[in-house]
Amino acid sequence: MKLLITADQIKTLTSMTANVDTNSFESSIEIAQLSYIKKKLGKLLYNQLVTQNAANQLSATNQILMGYLRKTLAWYVIYVALPDLDIKIRNKGLVREFSDSSTNVDAASFNSYSNSIFNKANTYLAEMIDYLDDNKDDFPLYNGCSTSNVGNASGSGTFVISGSRQTANGWIRRA
């Protein structure tokens, strides 16, 4: 699959440190791209972006859109990758790796951090959709997507988005 963001861009746009092994989260890029970006852009605009990006021939308007999209996608990639970064599958089963200079966080801290990452992704997603809605004439392949369906971190009410829900107090990741 042709990806809209690189591992290095994810590290630059987020709080992920440079020493995180790219192999440990690279498969999450495709999943995040399909789960969160394609659905919001619509198939036609999504396919246009993938094609233009792969050919390194983004139109001027799509270059601006890609700035919004990459910020959004970077945080969704971390959200999707977090469980795999925390737990590894080895020949002895599921394990958590430890080192002399670090310890793993407890479940409550993991969930809090995960929710924080999801809130950041949704905030950037809302900005991207607002940009698209404000510039519909420049994006004829875009069908429209209300930000009320995004689950903006500052909103209220409850929305369900891929295994998580938002309450008035923020996002909660389902187990």
Protein backbone atom coordinates (compact mmCIF):
# COMPACT_ATOMS: atom_id res chain seq x y z
CA MET A 1 0.00 0.00 0.00
CA LYS A 2 1.14 3.54 -0.71
CA LEU A 3 1.49 5.49 2.52
CA LEU A 4 0.77 9.17 3.07
CA ILE A 5 3.35 9.62 5.81
CA THR A 6 6.80 8.26 6.66
CA ALA A 7 8.09 6.99 9.98
CA ASP A 8 10.49 9.93 10.16
CA GLN A 9 7.64 12.40 9.64
CA ILE A 10 5.73 10.74 12.49
CA LYS A 11 8.70 11.17 14.79
CA THR A 12 9.05 14.82 13.76
CA LEU A 13 5.35 15.70 14.14
CA THR A 14 4.71 13.93 17.47
CA SER A 15 6.25 13.22 20.83
CA MET A 16 7.71 9.90 19.63
CA THR A 17 11.43 9.84 20.26
CA ALA A 18 13.88 9.31 17.42
CA ASN A 19 15.21 6.07 18.92
CA VAL A 20 11.89 4.18 18.59
CA ASP A 21 12.44 1.31 16.17
CA THR A 22 10.58 2.07 12.94
CA ASN A 23 9.75 -1.62 12.51
CA SER A 24 7.77 -1.56 15.75
CA PHE A 25 5.12 0.83 14.39
CA GLU A 26 5.40 0.90 10.59
CA SER A 27 2.50 -1.52 10.10
CA SER A 28 0.30 0.84 12.12
CA ILE A 29 0.63 3.52 9.44
CA GLU A 30 -1.52 1.64 6.95
CA ILE A 31 -4.11 0.71 9.58
CA ALA A 32 -4.40 4.30 10.82
CA GLN A 33 -4.54 5.63 7.27
CA LEU A 34 -7.39 3.30 6.32
CA SER A 35 -9.27 3.52 9.62
CA TYR A 36 -9.20 7.25 10.22
CA ILE A 37 -8.17 9.17 7.11
CA LYS A 38 -9.80 7.36 4.19
CA LYS A 39 -13.24 7.38 5.81
CA LYS A 40 -13.15 11.12 6.46
CA LEU A 41 -11.76 12.18 3.09
CA GLY A 42 -13.93 9.87 1.04
CA LYS A 43 -12.64 7.32 -1.43
CA LEU A 44 -12.16 9.69 -4.40
CA LEU A 45 -10.15 12.38 -2.62
CA TYR A 46 -8.22 9.76 -0.65
CA ASN A 47 -7.25 7.91 -3.84
CA GLN A 48 -6.22 11.16 -5.51
CA LEU A 49 -3.95 12.05 -2.57
CA VAL A 50 -2.40 8.57 -2.48
CA THR A 51 -1.73 8.63 -6.23
CA GLN A 52 -0.32 12.16 -6.30
CA ASN A 53 1.77 11.58 -3.19
CA ALA A 54 3.24 8.33 -4.54
CA ALA A 55 4.18 10.08 -7.78
CA ASN A 56 5.54 13.05 -5.81
CA GLN A 57 3.21 15.29 -7.83
CA LEU A 58 0.82 16.84 -5.30
CA SER A 59 -1.21 19.75 -6.62
CA ALA A 60 -0.78 23.04 -4.76
CA THR A 61 -4.08 22.64 -2.90
CA ASN A 62 -3.31 19.02 -2.02
CA GLN A 63 0.10 20.05 -0.66
CA ILE A 64 -1.64 22.32 1.84
CA LEU A 65 -4.13 19.57 2.69
CA MET A 66 -1.27 17.11 3.24
CA GLY A 67 0.10 19.41 5.95
CA TYR A 68 -3.14 19.00 7.88
CA LEU A 69 -3.42 15.32 7.02
CA ARG A 70 0.09 14.39 8.15
CA LYS A 71 -0.36 16.05 11.56
CA THR A 72 -3.60 14.13 11.96
CA LEU A 73 -2.29 10.80 10.70
CA ALA A 74 0.90 10.97 12.77
CA TRP A 75 -1.07 11.02 16.03
CA TYR A 76 -3.46 8.28 14.86
CA VAL A 77 -0.47 6.09 14.02
CA ILE A 78 0.83 6.43 17.57
CA TYR A 79 -2.64 5.67 18.93
CA VAL A 80 -2.88 2.52 16.82
CA ALA A 81 0.72 1.48 17.57
CA LEU A 82 0.67 1.98 21.35
CA PRO A 83 -0.42 -1.56 22.28
CA ASP A 84 2.27 -3.07 20.01
CA LEU A 85 4.91 -0.73 21.41
CA ASP A 86 3.97 -1.81 24.95
CA ILE A 87 3.51 -5.56 24.44
CA LYS A 88 5.53 -7.79 22.12
CA ILE A 89 4.71 -11.21 20.70
CA ARG A 90 7.63 -13.58 21.26
CA ASN A 91 8.04 -17.34 21.01
CA LYS A 92 7.11 -17.59 24.70
CA GLY A 93 3.91 -15.54 24.21
CA LEU A 94 3.08 -11.94 25.04
CA VAL A 95 5.81 -10.07 26.92
CA ARG A 96 6.73 -6.63 28.15
CA GLU A 97 10.38 -5.80 27.71
CA PHE A 98 12.28 -4.00 30.45
CA SER A 99 15.62 -2.27 30.51
CA ASP A 100 17.87 -1.01 33.28
CA SER A 101 16.89 2.61 32.74
CA SER A 102 13.11 2.42 32.26
CA THR A 103 9.97 0.81 33.61
CA ASN A 104 6.62 0.15 32.02
CA VAL A 105 3.61 2.25 32.97
CA ASP A 106 0.60 0.79 34.75
CA ALA A 107 -2.71 0.23 32.94
CA ALA A 108 -4.28 3.47 34.18
CA SER A 109 -1.33 5.54 32.95
CA PHE A 110 -1.34 3.69 29.63
CA ASN A 111 -5.05 4.39 29.13
CA SER A 112 -4.65 8.03 30.11
CA TYR A 113 -1.78 8.50 27.67
CA SER A 114 -3.65 6.64 24.94
CA ASN A 115 -6.67 8.89 25.44
CA SER A 116 -4.44 11.94 25.27
CA ILE A 117 -2.97 10.78 21.96
CA PHE A 118 -6.45 10.10 20.57
CA ASN A 119 -7.60 13.59 21.62
CA LYS A 120 -4.65 15.14 19.78
CA ALA A 121 -5.42 13.14 16.63
CA ASN A 122 -9.08 14.14 16.76
CA THR A 123 -8.21 17.80 17.30
CA TYR A 124 -6.04 17.77 14.17
CA LEU A 125 -8.72 15.83 12.30
CA ALA A 126 -11.30 18.49 13.15
CA GLU A 127 -8.91 21.17 11.86
CA MET A 128 -8.38 19.24 8.62
CA ILE A 129 -12.11 18.82 8.08
CA ASP A 130 -12.74 22.50 8.85
CA TYR A 131 -10.09 23.38 6.24
CA LEU A 132 -11.76 21.12 3.67
CA ASP A 133 -15.22 22.48 4.44
CA ASP A 134 -13.95 26.07 4.20
CA ASN A 135 -12.28 25.33 0.83
CA LYS A 136 -14.79 22.99 -0.83
CA ASP A 137 -14.36 24.67 -4.21
CA ASP A 138 -10.69 23.60 -4.21
CA PHE A 139 -11.60 19.98 -3.40
CA PRO A 140 -14.38 18.85 -5.75
CA LEU A 141 -13.74 15.19 -4.86
CA TYR A 142 -14.49 15.86 -1.20
CA ASN A 143 -18.05 14.95 -0.19
CA GLY A 144 -18.06 16.81 3.10
CA CYS A 145 -17.82 15.63 6.65
CA SER A 146 -19.21 17.55 9.59
CA THR A 147 -16.77 18.10 12.43
CA SER A 148 -19.58 17.09 14.79
CA ASN A 149 -18.93 13.53 13.60
CA VAL A 150 -15.20 13.78 14.30
CA GLY A 151 -15.32 13.68 18.07
CA ASN A 152 -13.43 16.90 18.65
CA ALA A 153 -11.73 16.75 22.02
CA SER A 154 -13.35 20.03 23.07
CA GLY A 155 -16.87 18.89 22.21
CA SER A 156 -19.49 17.45 24.50
CA GLY A 157 -21.83 14.51 24.19
CA THR A 158 -20.84 11.00 23.20
CA PHE A 159 -19.42 9.77 19.89
CA VAL A 160 -18.14 6.30 19.05
CA ILE A 161 -15.04 6.14 16.84
CA SER A 162 -13.26 2.84 16.27
CA GLY A 163 -13.27 1.34 19.74
CA SER A 164 -13.27 4.59 21.70
CA ARG A 165 -15.89 6.97 22.90
CA GLN A 166 -15.93 10.59 23.87
CA THR A 167 -17.68 11.90 26.94
CA ALA A 168 -17.91 15.45 28.23
CA ASN A 169 -14.68 14.72 30.13
CA GLY A 170 -12.66 13.48 27.14
CA TRP A 171 -11.98 10.28 25.22
CA ILE A 172 -12.14 6.82 26.73
CA ARG A 173 -10.48 3.92 24.96
CA ARG A 174 -12.45 0.71 25.22
CA ALA A 175 -10.61 -2.41 26.26
